[in-house]
Amino acid sequence: MHKDRGTMKWSSLMLPEHVEILQGLWQEDRYEKKPTVDEQQIEWNEQLLQQAYINQSLIQVTHYDAGAYYKELLRVMYMEPSTRSIRFTDQQDNRKTISIENILQIE
Protein backbone atom coordinates (compact mmCIF):
# COMPACT_ATOMS: atom_id res chain seq x y z
CA MET A 1 0.00 0.00 0.00
CA HIS A 2 1.31 3.42 -0.93
CA LYS A 3 1.90 5.75 2.02
CA ASP A 4 0.67 9.23 1.14
CA ARG A 5 1.73 12.20 3.25
CA GLY A 6 -1.16 14.37 2.05
CA THR A 7 -0.39 18.06 1.66
CA MET A 8 2.93 17.71 3.50
CA LYS A 9 4.66 16.40 0.38
CA TRP A 10 3.79 19.62 -1.47
CA SER A 11 5.02 21.95 1.28
CA SER A 12 8.49 22.25 -0.28
CA LEU A 13 6.90 23.75 -3.39
CA MET A 14 4.73 26.21 -1.44
CA LEU A 15 5.47 29.70 -0.26
CA PRO A 16 6.42 29.94 3.44
CA GLU A 17 3.27 31.98 4.13
CA HIS A 18 1.11 29.17 2.77
CA VAL A 19 2.95 26.59 4.88
CA GLU A 20 2.30 28.70 8.01
CA ILE A 21 -1.40 28.95 7.17
CA LEU A 22 -1.63 25.17 6.71
CA GLN A 23 0.15 24.53 10.01
CA GLY A 24 -2.28 26.92 11.73
CA LEU A 25 -5.22 25.00 10.28
CA TRP A 26 -3.77 21.68 11.46
CA GLN A 27 -3.25 23.11 14.93
CA GLU A 28 -6.87 24.29 15.06
CA ASP A 29 -7.98 20.74 14.23
CA ARG A 30 -6.07 19.42 17.26
CA TYR A 31 -7.53 22.04 19.63
CA GLU A 32 -9.92 20.56 22.18
CA LYS A 33 -12.51 22.56 24.05
CA LYS A 34 -12.40 22.60 27.84
CA PRO A 35 -15.26 20.53 29.29
CA THR A 36 -17.35 21.61 32.24
CA VAL A 37 -16.85 19.61 35.43
CA ASP A 38 -19.94 18.91 37.54
CA GLU A 39 -20.09 19.80 41.24
CA GLN A 40 -19.89 16.21 42.46
CA GLN A 41 -16.66 15.67 40.54
CA ILE A 42 -15.23 18.92 41.94
CA GLU A 43 -16.02 17.83 45.51
CA TRP A 44 -14.54 14.39 44.88
CA ASN A 45 -11.39 15.99 43.44
CA GLU A 46 -11.05 18.23 46.50
CA GLN A 47 -11.35 15.27 48.88
CA LEU A 48 -8.73 13.29 46.98
CA LEU A 49 -6.43 16.31 46.86
CA GLN A 50 -6.66 16.76 50.63
CA GLN A 51 -6.00 13.06 51.28
CA ALA A 52 -3.04 13.08 48.89
CA TYR A 53 -1.64 16.20 50.56
CA ILE A 54 -1.89 14.65 54.04
CA ASN A 55 -0.44 11.27 52.95
CA GLN A 56 2.05 12.77 50.44
CA SER A 57 1.00 10.11 47.95
CA LEU A 58 1.10 10.17 44.16
CA ILE A 59 -2.18 10.80 42.38
CA GLN A 60 -3.12 10.75 38.73
CA VAL A 61 -4.27 14.21 37.68
CA THR A 62 -6.11 14.84 34.44
CA HIS A 63 -5.94 18.52 33.59
CA TYR A 64 -6.59 20.88 30.70
CA ASP A 65 -3.92 23.23 29.39
CA ALA A 66 -3.81 25.27 26.16
CA GLY A 67 -6.29 23.21 24.17
CA ALA A 68 -5.12 19.74 25.21
CA TYR A 69 -5.67 17.21 28.00
CA TYR A 70 -2.81 15.85 30.09
CA LYS A 71 -2.72 12.90 32.48
CA GLU A 72 0.17 12.90 34.94
CA LEU A 73 1.27 11.22 38.16
CA LEU A 74 1.86 14.04 40.64
CA ARG A 75 2.34 14.69 44.36
CA VAL A 76 0.65 17.66 46.05
CA MET A 77 3.22 20.07 47.47
CA TYR A 78 1.17 23.10 48.38
CA MET A 79 -2.35 24.45 47.95
CA GLU A 80 -2.65 28.18 47.27
CA PRO A 81 -6.18 29.38 48.10
CA SER A 82 -5.44 33.00 47.14
CA THR A 83 -4.62 32.12 43.52
CA ARG A 84 -6.84 29.02 43.43
CA SER A 85 -3.97 26.87 42.23
CA ILE A 86 -2.06 23.84 43.45
CA ARG A 87 1.65 23.17 43.30
CA PHE A 88 2.67 19.65 42.38
CA THR A 89 5.88 17.70 41.92
CA ASP A 90 6.24 14.78 39.57
CA GLN A 91 8.31 11.63 40.06
CA GLN A 92 11.48 13.42 38.91
CA ASP A 93 10.87 16.29 41.40
CA ASN A 94 9.92 18.77 38.65
CA ARG A 95 7.54 21.41 39.96
CA LYS A 96 4.29 22.29 38.28
CA THR A 97 1.46 24.68 39.17
CA ILE A 98 -2.07 23.90 37.97
CA SER A 99 -5.13 26.07 38.42
CA ILE A 100 -8.03 24.40 40.23
CA GLU A 101 -10.35 25.31 37.35
CA ASN A 102 -8.20 23.30 34.93
CA ILE A 103 -8.25 20.07 36.96
CA LEU A 104 -10.75 17.71 35.41
CA GLN A 105 -10.30 14.48 37.32
CA ILE A 106 -8.16 13.00 40.08
CA GLU A 107 -7.63 9.29 40.61
PDB file of N, CA and C in Angstrom:
ATOM      1  N   MET A   1       0.845  -1.177   0.000  1.00  0.00           N
ATOM      2  CA  MET A   1       0.000   0.000   0.000  1.00  0.00           C
ATOM      3  C   MET A   1       0.890   1.240   0.000  1.00  0.00           C
ATOM      4  N   HIS A   2       0.548   2.178  -0.804  1.00  0.00           N
ATOM      5  CA  HIS A   2       1.313   3.423  -0.928  1.00  0.00           C
ATOM      6  C   HIS A   2       1.013   4.343   0.244  1.00  0.00           C
ATOM      7  N   LYS A   3       2.062   4.866   0.862  1.00  0.00           N
ATOM      8  CA  LYS A   3       1.900   5.747   2.019  1.00  0.00           C
ATOM      9  C   LYS A   3       1.922   7.193   1.535  1.00  0.00           C
ATOM     10  N   ASP A   4       0.790   7.853   1.620  1.00  0.00           N
ATOM     11  CA  ASP A   4       0.671   9.230   1.143  1.00  0.00           C
ATOM     12  C   ASP A   4       0.774  10.184   2.315  1.00  0.00           C
ATOM     13  N   ARG A   5       1.562  11.241   2.178  1.00  0.00           N
ATOM     14  CA  ARG A   5       1.733  12.204   3.252  1.00  0.00           C
ATOM     15  C   ARG A   5       0.776  13.376   3.108  1.00  0.00           C
ATOM     16  N   GLY A   6      -0.169  13.301   2.210  1.00  0.00           N
ATOM     17  CA  GLY A   6      -1.157  14.369   2.055  1.00  0.00           C
ATOM     18  C   GLY A   6      -0.510  15.646   1.548  1.00  0.00           C
ATOM     19  N   THR A   7      -0.898  16.771   2.127  1.00  0.00           N
ATOM     20  CA  THR A   7      -0.387  18.060   1.663  1.00  0.00           C
ATOM     21  C   THR A   7       1.035  18.315   2.114  1.00  0.00           C
ATOM     22  N   MET A   8       1.563  17.500   3.033  1.00  0.00           N
ATOM     23  CA  MET A   8       2.933  17.715   3.504  1.00  0.00           C
ATOM     24  C   MET A   8       3.952  17.532   2.388  1.00  0.00           C
ATOM     25  N   LYS A   9       3.683  16.639   1.430  1.00  0.00           N
ATOM     26  CA  LYS A   9       4.657  16.396   0.375  1.00  0.00           C
ATOM     27  C   LYS A   9       4.758  17.576  -0.579  1.00  0.00           C
ATOM     28  N   TRP A  10       3.765  18.452  -0.602  1.00  0.00           N
ATOM     29  CA  TRP A  10       3.790  19.619  -1.473  1.00  0.00           C
ATOM     30  C   TRP A  10       4.328  20.857  -0.766  1.00  0.00           C
ATOM     31  N   SER A  11       4.610  20.762   0.531  1.00  0.00           N
ATOM     32  CA  SER A  11       5.016  21.954   1.278  1.00  0.00           C
ATOM     33  C   SER A  11       6.349  22.525   0.805  1.00  0.00           C
ATOM     34  N   SER A  12       7.220  21.717   0.213  1.00  0.00           N
ATOM     35  CA  SER A  12       8.491  22.252  -0.279  1.00  0.00           C
ATOM     36  C   SER A  12       8.285  23.126  -1.508  1.00  0.00           C
ATOM     37  N   LEU A  13       7.186  22.949  -2.201  1.00  0.00           N
ATOM     38  CA  LEU A  13       6.900  23.750  -3.394  1.00  0.00           C
ATOM     39  C   LEU A  13       6.038  24.966  -3.082  1.00  0.00           C
ATOM     40  N   MET A  14       5.632  25.123  -1.818  1.00  0.00           N
ATOM     41  CA  MET A  14       4.732  26.210  -1.437  1.00  0.00           C
ATOM     42  C   MET A  14       5.521  27.391  -0.885  1.00  0.00           C
ATOM     43  N   LEU A  15       4.882  28.531  -0.891  1.00  0.00           N
ATOM     44  CA  LEU A  15       5.467  29.703  -0.255  1.00  0.00           C
ATOM     45  C   LEU A  15       5.438  29.525   1.260  1.00  0.00           C
ATOM     46  N   PRO A  16       6.401  30.095   1.977  1.00  0.00           N
ATOM     47  CA  PRO A  16       6.420  29.945   3.441  1.00  0.00           C
ATOM     48  C   PRO A  16       5.140  30.437   4.111  1.00  0.00           C
ATOM     49  N   GLU A  17       4.518  31.467   3.558  1.00  0.00           N
ATOM     50  CA  GLU A  17       3.270  31.979   4.132  1.00  0.00           C
ATOM     51  C   GLU A  17       2.161  30.931   4.047  1.00  0.00           C
ATOM     52  N   HIS A  18       2.134  30.206   2.939  1.00  0.00           N
ATOM     53  CA  HIS A  18       1.108  29.172   2.771  1.00  0.00           C
ATOM     54  C   HIS A  18       1.342  28.010   3.728  1.00  0.00           C
ATOM     55  N   VAL A  19       2.614  27.669   3.945  1.00  0.00           N
ATOM     56  CA  VAL A  19       2.947  26.593   4.879  1.00  0.00           C
ATOM     57  C   VAL A  19       2.500  26.978   6.285  1.00  0.00           C
ATOM     58  N   GLU A  20       2.729  28.237   6.687  1.00  0.00           N
ATOM     59  CA  GLU A  20       2.303  28.700   8.009  1.00  0.00           C
ATOM     60  C   GLU A  20       0.791  28.639   8.160  1.00  0.00           C
ATOM     61  N   ILE A  21       0.069  29.005   7.120  1.00  0.00           N
ATOM     62  CA  ILE A  21      -1.399  28.953   7.167  1.00  0.00           C
ATOM     63  C   ILE A  21      -1.865  27.508   7.335  1.00  0.00           C
ATOM     64  N   LEU A  22      -1.257  26.583   6.581  1.00  0.00           N
ATOM     65  CA  LEU A  22      -1.627  25.168   6.706  1.00  0.00           C
ATOM     66  C   LEU A  22      -1.331  24.632   8.099  1.00  0.00           C
ATOM     67  N   GLN A  23      -0.181  24.992   8.668  1.00  0.00           N
ATOM     68  CA  GLN A  23       0.149  24.534  10.009  1.00  0.00           C
ATOM     69  C   GLN A  23      -0.835  25.089  11.029  1.00  0.00           C
ATOM     70  N   GLY A  24      -1.271  26.338  10.844  1.00  0.00           N
ATOM     71  CA  GLY A  24      -2.279  26.920  11.733  1.00  0.00           C
ATOM     72  C   GLY A  24      -3.598  26.173  11.651  1.00  0.00           C
ATOM     73  N   LEU A  25      -3.979  25.771  10.448  1.00  0.00           N
ATOM     74  CA  LEU A  25      -5.218  25.001  10.281  1.00  0.00           C
ATOM     75  C   LEU A  25      -5.108  23.636  10.948  1.00  0.00           C
ATOM     76  N   TRP A  26      -3.959  22.989  10.819  1.00  0.00           N
ATOM     77  CA  TRP A  26      -3.774  21.682  11.459  1.00  0.00           C
ATOM     78  C   TRP A  26      -3.802  21.813  12.974  1.00  0.00           C
ATOM     79  N   GLN A  27      -3.251  22.900  13.481  1.00  0.00           N
ATOM     80  CA  GLN A  27      -3.251  23.113  14.926  1.00  0.00           C
ATOM     81  C   GLN A  27      -4.668  23.354  15.434  1.00  0.00           C
ATOM     82  N   GLU A  28      -5.474  24.068  14.666  1.00  0.00           N
ATOM     83  CA  GLU A  28      -6.874  24.290  15.057  1.00  0.00           C
ATOM     84  C   GLU A  28      -7.646  22.984  15.110  1.00  0.00           C
ATOM     85  N   ASP A  29      -7.314  22.041  14.230  1.00  0.00           N
ATOM     86  CA  ASP A  29      -7.980  20.740  14.233  1.00  0.00           C
ATOM     87  C   ASP A  29      -7.671  19.957  15.497  1.00  0.00           C
ATOM     88  N   ARG A  30      -6.458  20.140  16.053  1.00  0.00           N
ATOM     89  CA  ARG A  30      -6.067  19.420  17.264  1.00  0.00           C
ATOM     90  C   ARG A  30      -6.579  20.088  18.538  1.00  0.00           C
ATOM     91  N   TYR A  31      -7.070  21.309  18.452  1.00  0.00           N
ATOM     92  CA  TYR A  31      -7.527  22.043  19.628  1.00  0.00           C
ATOM     93  C   TYR A  31      -8.774  21.382  20.203  1.00  0.00           C
ATOM     94  N   GLU A  32      -8.766  21.164  21.500  1.00  0.00           N
ATOM     95  CA  GLU A  32      -9.918  20.564  22.178  1.00  0.00           C
ATOM     96  C   GLU A  32     -10.506  21.578  23.140  1.00  0.00           C
ATOM     97  N   LYS A  33     -11.808  21.611  23.190  1.00  0.00           N
ATOM     98  CA  LYS A  33     -12.509  22.558  24.049  1.00  0.00           C
ATOM     99  C   LYS A  33     -12.523  22.042  25.489  1.00  0.00           C
ATOM    100  N   LYS A  34     -12.401  22.967  26.429  1.00  0.00           N
ATOM    101  CA  LYS A  34     -12.396  22.599  27.844  1.00  0.00           C
ATOM    102  C   LYS A  34     -13.800  22.175  28.269  1.00  0.00           C
ATOM    103  N   PRO A  35     -13.940  20.970  28.847  1.00  0.00           N
ATOM    104  CA  PRO A  35     -15.263  20.531  29.292  1.00  0.00           C
ATOM    105  C   PRO A  35     -15.626  21.158  30.635  1.00  0.00           C
ATOM    106  N   THR A  36     -16.906  21.147  30.935  1.00  0.00           N
ATOM    107  CA  THR A  36     -17.350  21.611  32.245  1.00  0.00           C
ATOM    108  C   THR A  36     -17.349  20.417  33.200  1.00  0.00           C
ATOM    109  N   VAL A  37     -16.914  20.660  34.414  1.00  0.00           N
ATOM    110  CA  VAL A  37     -16.850  19.611  35.429  1.00  0.00           C
ATOM    111  C   VAL A  37     -18.006  19.825  36.385  1.00  0.00           C
ATOM    112  N   ASP A  38     -18.784  18.760  36.653  1.00  0.00           N
ATOM    113  CA  ASP A  38     -19.940  18.910  37.536  1.00  0.00           C
ATOM    114  C   ASP A  38     -19.492  19.049  38.994  1.00  0.00           C
ATOM    115  N   GLU A  39     -20.412  19.500  39.842  1.00  0.00           N
ATOM    116  CA  GLU A  39     -20.092  19.804  41.238  1.00  0.00           C
ATOM    117  C   GLU A  39     -19.668  18.576  42.027  1.00  0.00           C
ATOM    118  N   GLN A  40     -20.267  17.431  41.749  1.00  0.00           N
ATOM    119  CA  GLN A  40     -19.893  16.207  42.460  1.00  0.00           C
ATOM    120  C   GLN A  40     -18.436  15.833  42.165  1.00  0.00           C
ATOM    121  N   GLN A  41     -18.039  15.982  40.905  1.00  0.00           N
ATOM    122  CA  GLN A  41     -16.658  15.668  40.541  1.00  0.00           C
ATOM    123  C   GLN A  41     -15.696  16.645  41.202  1.00  0.00           C
ATOM    124  N   ILE A  42     -16.072  17.917  41.291  1.00  0.00           N
ATOM    125  CA  ILE A  42     -15.227  18.920  41.941  1.00  0.00           C
ATOM    126  C   ILE A  42     -15.036  18.584  43.412  1.00  0.00           C
ATOM    127  N   GLU A  43     -16.121  18.204  44.102  1.00  0.00           N
ATOM    128  CA  GLU A  43     -16.019  17.826  45.510  1.00  0.00           C
ATOM    129  C   GLU A  43     -15.154  16.586  45.691  1.00  0.00           C
ATOM    130  N   TRP A  44     -15.330  15.611  44.813  1.00  0.00           N
ATOM    131  CA  TRP A  44     -14.540  14.387  44.880  1.00  0.00           C
ATOM    132  C   TRP A  44     -13.056  14.711  44.657  1.00  0.00           C
ATOM    133  N   ASN A  45     -12.775  15.579  43.695  1.00  0.00           N
ATOM    134  CA  ASN A  45     -11.392  15.989  43.436  1.00  0.00           C
ATOM    135  C   ASN A  45     -10.785  16.658  44.662  1.00  0.00           C
ATOM    136  N   GLU A  46     -11.552  17.527  45.317  1.00  0.00           N
ATOM    137  CA  GLU A  46     -11.048  18.227  46.504  1.00  0.00           C
ATOM    138  C   GLU A  46     -10.734  17.254  47.632  1.00  0.00           C
ATOM    139  N   GLN A  47     -11.604  16.263  47.837  1.00  0.00           N
ATOM    140  CA  GLN A  47     -11.345  15.269  48.879  1.00  0.00           C
ATOM    141  C   GLN A  47     -10.076  14.480  48.587  1.00  0.00           C
ATOM    142  N   LEU A  48      -9.925  14.054  47.336  1.00  0.00           N
ATOM    143  CA  LEU A  48      -8.734  13.286  46.978  1.00  0.00           C
ATOM    144  C   LEU A  48      -7.468  14.137  47.069  1.00  0.00           C
ATOM    145  N   LEU A  49      -7.580  15.410  46.736  1.00  0.00           N
ATOM    146  CA  LEU A  49      -6.427  16.309  46.863  1.00  0.00           C
ATOM    147  C   LEU A  49      -6.000  16.451  48.319  1.00  0.00           C
ATOM    148  N   GLN A  50      -6.977  16.614  49.213  1.00  0.00           N
ATOM    149  CA  GLN A  50      -6.660  16.761  50.629  1.00  0.00           C
ATOM    150  C   GLN A  50      -6.028  15.489  51.185  1.00  0.00           C
ATOM    151  N   GLN A  51      -6.573  14.329  50.816  1.00  0.00           N
ATOM    152  CA  GLN A  51      -6.002  13.062  51.279  1.00  0.00           C
ATOM    153  C   GLN A  51      -4.581  12.868  50.751  1.00  0.00           C
ATOM    154  N   ALA A  52      -4.377  13.221  49.490  1.00  0.00           N
ATOM    155  CA  ALA A  52      -3.044  13.080  48.893  1.00  0.00           C
ATOM    156  C   ALA A  52      -2.050  14.039  49.536  1.00  0.00           C
ATOM    157  N   TYR A  53      -2.514  15.228  49.904  1.00  0.00           N
ATOM    158  CA  TYR A  53      -1.639  16.199  50.556  1.00  0.00           C
ATOM    159  C   TYR A  53      -1.221  15.705  51.948  1.00  0.00           C
ATOM    160  N   ILE A  54      -2.180  15.148  52.694  1.00  0.00           N
ATOM    161  CA  ILE A  54      -1.889  14.649  54.041  1.00  0.00           C
ATOM    162  C   ILE A  54      -0.956  13.441  53.968  1.00  0.00           C
ATOM    163  N   ASN A  55      -1.229  12.506  53.049  1.00  0.00           N
ATOM    164  CA  ASN A  55      -0.441  11.275  52.945  1.00  0.00           C
ATOM    165  C   ASN A  55       0.811  11.429  52.084  1.00  0.00           C
ATOM    166  N   GLN A  56       0.945  12.547  51.380  1.00  0.00           N
ATOM    167  CA  GLN A  56       2.046  12.767  50.443  1.00  0.00           C
ATOM    168  C   GLN A  56       2.163  11.624  49.439  1.00  0.00           C
ATOM    169  N   SER A  57       1.024  11.206  48.915  1.00  0.00           N
ATOM    170  CA  SER A  57       1.003  10.111  47.952  1.00  0.00           C
ATOM    171  C   SER A  57       0.856  10.645  46.527  1.00  0.00           C
ATOM    172  N   LEU A  58       1.243   9.809  45.564  1.00  0.00           N
ATOM    173  CA  LEU A  58       1.101  10.169  44.157  1.00  0.00           C
ATOM    174  C   LEU A  58      -0.340   9.972  43.719  1.00  0.00           C
ATOM    175  N   ILE A  59      -0.835  10.907  42.933  1.00  0.00           N
ATOM    176  CA  ILE A  59      -2.183  10.805  42.378  1.00  0.00           C
ATOM    177  C   ILE A  59      -2.101  11.061  40.880  1.00  0.00           C
ATOM    178  N   GLN A  60      -3.068  10.507  40.167  1.00  0.00           N
ATOM    179  CA  GLN A  60      -3.118  10.746  38.727  1.00  0.00           C
ATOM    180  C   GLN A  60      -4.061  11.918  38.477  1.00  0.00           C
ATOM    181  N   VAL A  61      -3.513  12.983  37.906  1.00  0.00           N
ATOM    182  CA  VAL A  61      -4.265  14.214  37.679  1.00  0.00           C
ATOM    183  C   VAL A  61      -4.497  14.375  36.186  1.00  0.00           C
ATOM    184  N   THR A  62      -5.759  14.504  35.813  1.00  0.00           N
ATOM    185  CA  THR A  62      -6.108  14.839  34.440  1.00  0.00           C
ATOM    186  C   THR A  62      -6.455  16.308  34.421  1.00  0.00           C
ATOM    187  N   HIS A  63      -5.707  17.083  33.621  1.00  0.00           N
ATOM    188  CA  HIS A  63      -5.945  18.517  33.588  1.00  0.00           C
ATOM    189  C   HIS A  63      -5.912  19.037  32.161  1.00  0.00           C
ATOM    190  N   TYR A  64      -6.466  20.230  31.997  1.00  0.00           N
ATOM    191  CA  TYR A  64      -6.587  20.883  30.702  1.00  0.00           C
ATOM    192  C   TYR A  64      -5.596  22.027  30.647  1.00  0.00           C
ATOM    193  N   ASP A  65      -4.868  22.128  29.535  1.00  0.00           N
ATOM    194  CA  ASP A  65      -3.917  23.231  29.390  1.00  0.00           C
ATOM    195  C   ASP A  65      -3.734  23.536  27.905  1.00  0.00           C
ATOM    196  N   ALA A  66      -4.053  24.753  27.516  1.00  0.00           N
ATOM    197  CA  ALA A  66      -3.807  25.265  26.158  1.00  0.00           C
ATOM    198  C   ALA A  66      -4.373  24.369  25.060  1.00  0.00           C
ATOM    199  N   GLY A  67      -5.613  23.959  25.225  1.00  0.00           N
ATOM    200  CA  GLY A  67      -6.286  23.210  24.168  1.00  0.00           C
ATOM    201  C   GLY A  67      -5.998  21.728  24.132  1.00  0.00           C
ATOM    202  N   ALA A  68      -5.415  21.170  25.188  1.00  0.00           N
ATOM    203  CA  ALA A  68      -5.123  19.737  25.215  1.00  0.00           C
ATOM    204  C   ALA A  68      -5.326  19.197  26.629  1.00  0.00           C
ATOM    205  N   TYR A  69      -5.521  17.887  26.716  1.00  0.00           N
ATOM    206  CA  TYR A  69      -5.671  17.211  27.995  1.00  0.00           C
ATOM    207  C   TYR A  69      -4.359  16.511  28.338  1.00  0.00           C
ATOM    208  N   TYR A  70      -4.022  16.517  29.621  1.00  0.00           N
ATOM    209  CA  TYR A  70      -2.813  15.852  30.093  1.00  0.00           C
ATOM    210  C   TYR A  70      -3.161  14.989  31.293  1.00  0.00           C
ATOM    211  N   LYS A  71      -2.539  13.815  31.365  1.00  0.00           N
ATOM    212  CA  LYS A  71      -2.716  12.899  32.483  1.00  0.00           C
ATOM    213  C   LYS A  71      -1.341  12.635  33.063  1.00  0.00           C
ATOM    214  N   GLU A  72      -1.151  13.016  34.334  1.00  0.00           N
ATOM    215  CA  GLU A  72       0.171  12.904  34.936  1.00  0.00           C
ATOM    216  C   GLU A  72       0.081  12.354  36.355  1.00  0.00           C
ATOM    217  N   LEU A  73       1.136  11.658  36.769  1.00  0.00           N
ATOM    218  CA  LEU A  73       1.269  11.218  38.159  1.00  0.00           C
ATOM    219  C   LEU A  73       1.996  12.312  38.923  1.00  0.00           C
ATOM    220  N   LEU A  74       1.315  12.891  39.908  1.00  0.00           N
ATOM    221  CA  LEU A  74       1.862  14.039  40.636  1.00  0.00           C
ATOM    222  C   LEU A  74       1.667  13.872  42.133  1.00  0.00           C
ATOM    223  N   ARG A  75       2.447  14.636  42.899  1.00  0.00           N
ATOM    224  CA  ARG A  75       2.337  14.686  44.359  1.00  0.00           C
ATOM    225  C   ARG A  75       2.028  16.131  44.742  1.00  0.00           C
ATOM    226  N   VAL A  76       1.046  16.323  45.631  1.00  0.00           N
ATOM    227  CA  VAL A  76       0.649  17.663  46.054  1.00  0.00           C
ATOM    228  C   VAL A  76       1.704  18.234  46.987  1.00  0.00           C
ATOM    229  N   MET A  77       2.241  19.392  46.623  1.00  0.00           N
ATOM    230  CA  MET A  77       3.218  20.073  47.472  1.00  0.00           C
ATOM    231  C   MET A  77       2.552  21.126  48.338  1.00  0.00           C
ATOM    232  N   TYR A  78       1.721  21.940  47.693  1.00  0.00           N
ATOM    233  CA  TYR A  78       1.172  23.100  48.384  1.00  0.00           C
ATOM    234  C   TYR A  78      -0.113  23.536  47.693  1.00  0.00           C
ATOM    235  N   MET A  79      -1.106  23.912  48.487  1.00  0.00           N
ATOM    236  CA  MET A  79      -2.355  24.451  47.954  1.00  0.00           C
ATOM    237  C   MET A  79      -2.378  25.949  48.202  1.00  0.00           C
ATOM    238  N   GLU A  80      -2.626  26.725  47.162  1.00  0.00           N
ATOM    239  CA  GLU A  80      -2.649  28.177  47.266  1.00  0.00           C
ATOM    240  C   GLU A  80      -4.081  28.688  47.105  1.00  0.00           C
ATOM    241  N   PRO A  81      -4.787  28.939  48.205  1.00  0.00           N
ATOM    242  CA  PRO A  81      -6.181  29.383  48.098  1.00  0.00           C
ATOM    243  C   PRO A  81      -6.313  30.777  47.489  1.00  0.00           C
ATOM    244  N   SER A  82      -5.320  31.636  47.663  1.00  0.00           N
ATOM    245  CA  SER A  82      -5.436  32.999  47.144  1.00  0.00           C
ATOM    246  C   SER A  82      -5.437  33.029  45.617  1.00  0.00           C
ATOM    247  N   THR A  83      -4.652  32.165  44.982  1.00  0.00           N
ATOM    248  CA  THR A  83      -4.620  32.119  43.517  1.00  0.00           C
ATOM    249  C   THR A  83      -5.430  30.963  42.949  1.00  0.00           C
ATOM    250  N   ARG A  84      -6.047  30.177  43.823  1.00  0.00           N
ATOM    251  CA  ARG A  84      -6.843  29.020  43.426  1.00  0.00           C
ATOM    252  C   ARG A  84      -6.037  28.084  42.517  1.00  0.00           C
ATOM    253  N   SER A  85      -4.826  27.783  42.982  1.00  0.00           N
ATOM    254  CA  SER A  85      -3.973  26.869  42.235  1.00  0.00           C
ATOM    255  C   SER A  85      -3.282  25.914  43.204  1.00  0.00           C
ATOM    256  N   ILE A  86      -2.720  24.871  42.645  1.00  0.00           N
ATOM    257  CA  ILE A  86      -2.063  23.839  43.445  1.00  0.00           C
ATOM    258  C   ILE A  86      -0.684  23.583  42.858  1.00  0.00           C
ATOM    259  N   ARG A  87       0.293  23.499  43.730  1.00  0.00           N
ATOM    260  CA  ARG A  87       1.651  23.173  43.299  1.00  0.00           C
ATOM    261  C   ARG A  87       1.864  21.677  43.454  1.00  0.00           C
ATOM    262  N   PHE A  88       2.399  21.087  42.409  1.00  0.00           N
ATOM    263  CA  PHE A  88       2.665  19.652  42.384  1.00  0.00           C
ATOM    264  C   PHE A  88       4.141  19.410  42.101  1.00  0.00           C
ATOM    265  N   THR A  89       4.592  18.201  42.409  1.00  0.00           N
ATOM    266  CA  THR A  89       5.876  17.704  41.921  1.00  0.00           C
ATOM    267  C   THR A  89       5.612  16.365  41.249  1.00  0.00           C
ATOM    268  N   ASP A  90       6.379  16.076  40.212  1.00  0.00           N
ATOM    269  CA  ASP A  90       6.241  14.777  39.570  1.00  0.00           C
ATOM    270  C   ASP A  90       7.274  13.805  40.143  1.00  0.00           C
ATOM    271  N   GLN A  91       7.417  12.662  39.538  1.00  0.00           N
ATOM    272  CA  GLN A  91       8.312  11.630  40.065  1.00  0.00           C
ATOM    273  C   GLN A  91       9.779  12.018  39.953  1.00  0.00           C
ATOM    274  N   GLN A  92      10.104  12.947  39.058  1.00  0.00           N
ATOM    275  CA  GLN A  92      11.481  13.417  38.911  1.00  0.00           C
ATOM    276  C   GLN A  92      11.714  14.715  39.675  1.00  0.00           C
ATOM    277  N   ASP A  93      10.813  15.086  40.579  1.00  0.00           N
ATOM    278  CA  ASP A  93      10.870  16.294  41.399  1.00  0.00           C
ATOM    279  C   ASP A  93      10.813  17.591  40.586  1.00  0.00           C
ATOM    280  N   ASN A  94      10.185  17.548  39.412  1.00  0.00           N
ATOM    281  CA  ASN A  94       9.919  18.768  38.653  1.00  0.00           C
ATOM    282  C   ASN A  94       8.658  19.409  39.200  1.00  0.00           C
ATOM    283  N   ARG A  95       8.696  20.715  39.390  1.00  0.00           N
ATOM    284  CA  ARG A  95       7.545  21.415  39.963  1.00  0.00           C
ATOM    285  C   ARG A  95       6.602  21.900  38.879  1.00  0.00           C
ATOM    286  N   LYS A  96       5.326  21.887  39.232  1.00  0.00           N
ATOM    287  CA  LYS A  96       4.292  22.294  38.283  1.00  0.00           C
ATOM    288  C   LYS A  96       3.151  22.923  39.059  1.00  0.00           C
ATOM    289  N   THR A  97       2.609  24.030  38.552  1.00  0.00           N
ATOM    290  CA  THR A  97       1.463  24.684  39.175  1.00  0.00           C
ATOM    291  C   THR A  97       0.275  24.563  38.229  1.00  0.00           C
ATOM    292  N   ILE A  98      -0.851  24.089  38.773  1.00  0.00           N
ATOM    293  CA  ILE A  98      -2.068  23.904  37.972  1.00  0.00           C
ATOM    294  C   ILE A  98      -3.207  24.629  38.663  1.00  0.00           C
ATOM    295  N   SER A  99      -3.962  25.381  37.892  1.00  0.00           N
ATOM    296  CA  SER A  99      -5.133  26.069  38.419  1.00  0.00           C
ATOM    297  C   SER A  99      -6.226  25.056  38.753  1.00  0.00           C
ATOM    298  N   ILE A 100      -6.966  25.315  39.813  1.00  0.00           N
ATOM    299  CA  ILE A 100      -8.029  24.400  40.232  1.00  0.00           C
ATOM    300  C   ILE A 100      -9.096  24.255  39.135  1.00  0.00           C
ATOM    301  N   GLU A 101      -9.348  25.349  38.409  1.00  0.00           N
ATOM    302  CA  GLU A 101     -10.353  25.308  37.349  1.00  0.00           C
ATOM    303  C   GLU A 101      -9.953  24.394  36.200  1.00  0.00           C
ATOM    304  N   ASN A 102      -8.662  24.127  36.044  1.00  0.00           N
ATOM    305  CA  ASN A 102      -8.196  23.297  34.928  1.00  0.00           C
ATOM    306  C   ASN A 102      -8.072  21.823  35.294  1.00  0.00           C
ATOM    307  N   ILE A 103      -8.301  21.478  36.555  1.00  0.00           N
ATOM    308  CA  ILE A 103      -8.246  20.069  36.963  1.00  0.00           C
ATOM    309  C   ILE A 103      -9.585  19.423  36.645  1.00  0.00           C
ATOM    310  N   LEU A 104      -9.529  18.382  35.840  1.00  0.00           N
ATOM    311  CA  LEU A 104     -10.748  17.711  35.407  1.00  0.00           C
ATOM    312  C   LEU A 104     -11.071  16.496  36.256  1.00  0.00           C
ATOM    313  N   GLN A 105     -10.052  15.688  36.556  1.00  0.00           N
ATOM    314  CA  GLN A 105     -10.299  14.479  37.322  1.00  0.00           C
ATOM    315  C   GLN A 105      -9.045  14.090  38.089  1.00  0.00           C
ATOM    316  N   ILE A 106      -9.263  13.497  39.256  1.00  0.00           N
ATOM    317  CA  ILE A 106      -8.160  13.000  40.078  1.00  0.00           C
ATOM    318  C   ILE A 106      -8.463  11.557  40.442  1.00  0.00           C
ATOM    319  N   GLU A 107      -7.473  10.716  40.292  1.00  0.00           N
ATOM    320  CA  GLU A 107      -7.634   9.293  40.614  1.00  0.00           C
ATOM    321  C   GLU A 107      -6.542   8.865  41.558  1.00  0.00           C
TER     322      GLU A 107
END
